[in-house]
């Protein structure tokens, strides 16, 4: 019986063989790699991956799909919401091999998933994700551009990222109403030492009213938190580079 895509899970199943081959090429799976796939769905990407890896862990929320996946002897199936999965446990099981993470992320919760994984970046060697193209545009955006956002800052602080493949809507069944792309995310070997929660708070305040001059938002917040260093609040949030946000997070008293 054919599986019907479920809107509540944001399901769009990859069906273009050429695109699947191109994604696998970008991931470059090697035999024995400790890889985790998020949202395997109908196993379009799962099958070529596990053929090259030998074994693969998959995380699937849809009960019916998880049941199907369990029939594959080379798959370790975790039936769960990925936001509840402890990747530290998966990394511990994979030791001494570093964890690699891939997936066609549900577009309706892609940002929460990216932030969830941010906390495990030190345990992961790379990530390859299919996402809505406009999300990837924001992830890799440079300062002083319209796409530069909270997402840009919070991910660029921790990862080196690049858009590696464009994926048109007709590559899926059912086709989404947006263009897609594949992003490669490699955690920085030596990221700046900073309290991620404090950085997140600063960036959240800065972009809360992105059209306003920061004097009205972040400037007041810094003053309230006893910051006495140099900072030009006569700019908008999108004009401040990632390194400057990190420096603020390092300088503000705890």
Protein backbone atom coordinates (compact mmCIF):
# COMPACT_ATOMS: atom_id res chain seq x y z
CA UNK A 1 0.00 0.00 0.00
CA UNK A 2 1.41 3.38 -1.05
CA UNK A 3 2.23 5.83 1.72
CA UNK A 4 0.32 9.13 1.49
CA UNK A 5 2.40 12.18 2.43
CA UNK A 6 1.20 13.75 5.67
CA UNK A 7 0.95 17.51 5.83
CA UNK A 8 1.37 17.65 9.61
CA UNK A 9 4.81 16.09 9.23
CA UNK A 10 5.74 18.36 6.33
CA UNK A 11 6.35 15.32 4.11
CA UNK A 12 7.69 15.78 0.58
CA UNK A 13 9.42 12.66 -0.70
CA UNK A 14 12.49 12.92 -2.91
CA UNK A 15 11.89 11.03 -6.15
CA UNK A 16 14.43 12.33 -8.73
CA UNK A 17 17.18 9.73 -9.22
CA UNK A 18 19.64 12.25 -10.64
CA UNK A 19 19.23 14.58 -7.65
CA UNK A 20 19.54 11.65 -5.23
CA UNK A 21 22.84 10.63 -6.87
CA UNK A 22 24.08 14.23 -6.68
CA UNK A 23 23.24 14.46 -2.97
CA UNK A 24 25.00 11.17 -2.21
CA UNK A 25 28.03 12.45 -4.14
CA UNK A 26 28.13 15.60 -1.98
CA UNK A 27 27.79 13.58 1.24
CA UNK A 28 30.51 11.16 0.09
CA UNK A 29 29.63 8.33 2.52
CA UNK A 30 32.46 5.93 3.32
CA UNK A 31 32.12 2.33 4.56
CA UNK A 32 31.83 2.28 8.34
CA UNK A 33 30.98 5.99 8.75
CA UNK A 34 28.80 6.62 11.82
CA UNK A 35 25.93 8.37 10.05
CA UNK A 36 22.49 9.43 11.23
CA UNK A 37 19.72 10.31 8.78
CA UNK A 38 16.87 12.57 9.92
CA UNK A 39 13.52 11.99 8.18
CA UNK A 40 14.32 9.03 5.89
CA UNK A 41 10.72 8.89 4.64
CA UNK A 42 10.41 6.37 1.81
CA UNK A 43 14.18 5.65 1.92
CA UNK A 44 15.05 7.35 -1.38
CA UNK A 45 18.30 8.65 0.11
CA UNK A 46 18.52 5.97 2.80
CA UNK A 47 19.00 3.07 0.37
CA UNK A 48 22.02 4.43 -1.55
CA UNK A 49 23.55 5.62 1.72
CA UNK A 50 23.25 2.31 3.55
CA UNK A 51 24.59 0.45 0.49
CA UNK A 52 27.80 2.48 0.83
CA UNK A 53 27.94 2.62 4.63
CA UNK A 54 26.98 -0.92 5.59
CA UNK A 55 24.85 0.34 8.49
CA UNK A 56 22.83 3.52 9.11
CA UNK A 57 20.84 5.01 11.99
CA UNK A 58 17.60 6.74 10.96
CA UNK A 59 15.25 8.98 12.93
CA UNK A 60 11.62 8.83 11.79
CA UNK A 61 8.57 10.26 13.55
CA UNK A 62 5.90 8.74 11.27
CA UNK A 63 4.87 5.42 12.84
CA UNK A 64 3.95 3.76 9.54
CA UNK A 65 7.23 4.74 7.88
CA UNK A 66 9.23 3.65 10.94
CA UNK A 67 7.56 0.23 10.73
CA UNK A 68 8.59 -0.11 7.08
CA UNK A 69 12.14 0.98 7.80
CA UNK A 70 12.51 -1.64 10.55
CA UNK A 71 12.17 -4.32 7.88
CA UNK A 72 15.59 -3.30 6.54
CA UNK A 73 18.24 -5.34 8.41
CA UNK A 74 20.98 -2.70 8.04
CA UNK A 75 18.98 0.15 9.60
CA UNK A 76 18.82 1.13 13.26
CA UNK A 77 15.46 2.91 13.52
CA UNK A 78 14.76 5.55 16.16
CA UNK A 79 11.02 6.31 16.14
CA UNK A 80 10.97 9.77 17.65
CA UNK A 81 10.63 13.49 17.21
CA UNK A 82 14.20 14.53 16.30
CA UNK A 83 13.93 17.48 18.72
CA UNK A 84 13.82 14.93 21.55
CA UNK A 85 16.80 12.88 20.37
CA UNK A 86 20.00 13.13 22.42
CA UNK A 87 22.76 13.18 19.81
CA UNK A 88 25.34 12.89 22.59
CA UNK A 89 24.08 9.34 23.18
CA UNK A 90 24.37 8.56 19.48
CA UNK A 91 27.89 10.00 19.41
CA UNK A 92 28.87 7.91 22.43
CA UNK A 93 27.68 4.74 20.69
CA UNK A 94 29.62 5.70 17.56
CA UNK A 95 32.96 6.31 19.31
CA UNK A 96 35.72 6.46 18.29
CA UNK A 97 34.16 7.41 14.97
CA UNK A 98 32.84 10.98 14.63
CA UNK A 99 29.13 11.41 13.96
CA UNK A 100 27.88 12.52 10.54
CA UNK A 101 24.30 13.79 10.16
CA UNK A 102 22.22 14.04 6.98
CA UNK A 103 18.58 14.46 6.06
CA UNK A 104 15.73 15.97 4.13
CA UNK A 105 14.49 18.10 7.04
CA UNK A 106 10.76 18.81 7.44
CA UNK A 107 10.53 22.40 6.23
CA UNK A 108 7.98 23.38 8.88
CA UNK A 109 10.44 22.71 11.73
CA UNK A 110 13.83 23.01 10.02
CA UNK A 111 15.01 25.98 12.10
CA UNK A 112 14.24 24.33 15.48
CA UNK A 113 16.13 21.22 14.28
CA UNK A 114 19.17 23.31 13.31
CA UNK A 115 19.16 25.00 16.72
CA UNK A 116 18.75 21.63 18.47
CA UNK A 117 21.80 20.26 16.66
CA UNK A 118 23.81 23.39 17.49
CA UNK A 119 24.19 22.07 21.02
CA UNK A 120 25.87 18.90 19.72
CA UNK A 121 28.15 20.51 17.10
CA UNK A 122 31.29 19.51 19.02
CA UNK A 123 30.35 15.85 18.53
CA UNK A 124 29.59 16.05 14.80
CA UNK A 125 32.07 16.10 11.92
CA UNK A 126 29.65 17.35 9.24
CA UNK A 127 25.98 17.82 8.34
CA UNK A 128 24.27 17.73 4.93
CA UNK A 129 20.66 18.85 4.85
CA UNK A 130 18.01 19.42 2.23
CA UNK A 131 16.17 22.60 3.16
CA UNK A 132 14.03 25.31 1.71
CA UNK A 133 16.41 27.37 -0.44
CA UNK A 134 15.47 30.63 1.24
CA UNK A 135 16.42 29.15 4.62
CA UNK A 136 19.87 28.25 3.29
CA UNK A 137 20.15 31.74 1.80
CA UNK A 138 19.68 33.09 5.34
CA UNK A 139 22.09 30.58 6.85
CA UNK A 140 24.98 31.65 4.59
CA UNK A 141 24.05 35.36 4.23
CA UNK A 142 26.67 38.07 4.71
CA UNK A 143 26.14 41.18 6.87
CA UNK A 144 24.35 44.19 5.36
CA UNK A 145 22.13 42.00 3.16
CA UNK A 146 18.40 41.41 3.47
CA UNK A 147 18.90 37.67 4.17
CA UNK A 148 21.29 38.27 7.10
CA UNK A 149 19.38 37.31 10.23
CA UNK A 150 19.44 35.72 13.65
CA UNK A 151 19.84 32.34 11.94
CA UNK A 152 22.90 33.61 10.01
CA UNK A 153 24.67 34.77 13.17
CA UNK A 154 23.86 31.76 15.37
CA UNK A 155 25.01 29.24 12.76
CA UNK A 156 28.00 31.10 11.30
CA UNK A 157 29.44 31.43 14.79
CA UNK A 158 29.72 27.63 14.93
CA UNK A 159 29.84 26.31 11.35
CA UNK A 160 31.49 26.77 8.00
CA UNK A 161 28.57 26.45 5.55
CA UNK A 162 27.97 26.35 1.81
CA UNK A 163 25.04 25.80 -0.52
CA UNK A 164 26.16 22.80 -2.58
CA UNK A 165 23.13 21.84 -4.70
CA UNK A 166 19.92 23.40 -6.05
CA UNK A 167 16.86 21.11 -5.96
CA UNK A 168 13.73 22.11 -7.93
CA UNK A 169 10.17 21.36 -6.69
CA UNK A 170 9.59 18.68 -9.33
CA UNK A 171 12.25 16.52 -7.66
CA UNK A 172 9.69 15.69 -4.95
CA UNK A 173 6.37 13.90 -4.63
CA UNK A 174 4.28 15.82 -3.80
CA UNK A 175 6.23 18.86 -5.05
CA UNK A 176 6.60 21.64 -2.47
CA UNK A 177 5.68 25.21 -3.40
CA UNK A 178 9.24 26.38 -2.86
CA UNK A 179 12.71 25.77 -4.25
CA UNK A 180 15.01 23.58 -2.20
CA UNK A 181 18.76 23.20 -1.82
CA UNK A 182 21.37 21.15 0.00
CA UNK A 183 23.67 22.78 2.55
CA UNK A 184 26.97 21.44 3.87
CA UNK A 185 27.67 22.42 7.49
CA UNK A 186 31.10 21.71 8.96
CA UNK A 187 31.54 22.61 12.64
CA UNK A 188 34.51 24.92 13.19
CA UNK A 189 37.41 23.08 14.79
CA UNK A 190 38.15 26.00 17.11
CA UNK A 191 35.03 28.19 17.45
CA UNK A 192 35.20 31.33 19.61
CA UNK A 193 34.77 30.52 23.30
CA UNK A 194 31.42 32.05 24.15
CA UNK A 195 28.30 31.31 26.19
CA UNK A 196 25.89 30.16 23.47
CA UNK A 197 22.85 31.11 25.55
CA UNK A 198 24.16 34.64 26.11
CA UNK A 199 25.01 35.01 22.42
CA UNK A 200 21.53 33.78 21.53
CA UNK A 201 19.94 36.32 23.88
CA UNK A 202 21.94 39.20 22.39
CA UNK A 203 21.14 38.21 18.82
CA UNK A 204 17.46 37.70 19.67
CA UNK A 205 17.23 41.21 21.14
CA UNK A 206 19.11 42.73 18.20
CA UNK A 207 16.88 41.19 15.53
CA UNK A 208 13.62 41.58 17.48
CA UNK A 209 12.99 44.83 15.60
CA UNK A 210 15.42 44.54 12.72
CA UNK A 211 14.27 47.72 10.97
CA UNK A 212 15.04 49.86 14.01
CA UNK A 213 18.37 51.34 14.97
CA UNK A 214 19.99 49.18 17.66
CA UNK A 215 20.06 52.09 20.11
CA UNK A 216 16.37 51.33 20.77
CA UNK A 217 16.83 47.59 21.35
CA UNK A 218 20.29 46.10 21.88
CA UNK A 219 21.72 49.41 23.05
CA UNK A 220 19.27 49.53 25.96
CA UNK A 221 19.83 45.85 26.73
CA UNK A 222 23.61 46.31 26.90
CA UNK A 223 23.20 49.29 29.19
CA UNK A 224 20.91 47.32 31.51
CA UNK A 225 23.45 44.47 31.65
CA UNK A 226 26.40 46.66 32.64
CA UNK A 227 28.28 46.64 29.34
CA UNK A 228 30.87 49.42 29.29
CA UNK A 229 32.81 48.61 26.15
CA UNK A 230 32.77 50.16 22.69
CA UNK A 231 29.74 49.47 20.49
CA UNK A 232 28.09 51.59 17.80
CA UNK A 233 24.31 51.39 18.35
CA UNK A 234 23.58 53.67 15.39
CA UNK A 235 23.28 50.64 13.13
CA UNK A 236 20.64 48.07 12.33
CA UNK A 237 21.01 44.45 13.44
CA UNK A 238 21.83 43.29 9.91
CA UNK A 239 24.86 45.60 9.75
CA UNK A 240 26.71 44.00 12.68
CA UNK A 241 29.14 41.17 11.73
CA UNK A 242 29.07 37.79 13.46
CA UNK A 243 32.44 38.44 15.14
CA UNK A 244 31.09 41.59 16.76
CA UNK A 245 28.06 39.80 18.20
CA UNK A 246 30.41 37.15 19.59
CA UNK A 247 32.67 39.84 21.10
CA UNK A 248 29.64 41.41 22.81
CA UNK A 249 28.61 38.04 24.28
CA UNK A 250 32.15 37.59 25.60
CA UNK A 251 32.28 41.10 27.11
CA UNK A 252 28.88 41.46 28.78
CA UNK A 253 29.13 40.69 32.54
CA UNK A 254 27.47 37.40 33.54
